[in-house]
Amino acid sequence: WEVFWDIMRHWCKDHPNPNRPEEGSVAHAILSKEPKIQAKFSRVFNALSKAKMSKTPRFTPNPESYWGPGTRAGNGGQKRKRFMSAPKDGASKAAKGQGTGETASVEPRAAE
């Protein structure tokens, strides 16, 4: 952990923050020590690949603008036809006595 905090201390020296940590805080205690290791933050160009150096794009460009997935497969915006559905009007329910709220009563036959 000491190496990590030394790198952080050196970074804070190179890039000072206008908001200094308060006296007595943990951040102040960590950053007040002098770093034992001198970290070097310059970029090593030998570590970069040839593609990065030549600025080759990482991914191939899109073939056309707005080329992505199209609209979802469907029936062209028409309503779906239902198989064996009941009629939309209340005629079939009314004929059975269900749609009007009235109950069907059966009258007894007169004996003849």
Foldseek 3Di string as FASTA:
>chain_A
DLVVLLVVLLVCVVPPDPDDDDPPDPVCVSNVDHRPDHDDDDDDPVPDDPCVVVVPDPDDDDPDPPPDDDDDDDDVPDDDDDDPDDDPDCVVCVVVVRPPPDDDDDDDDDDD
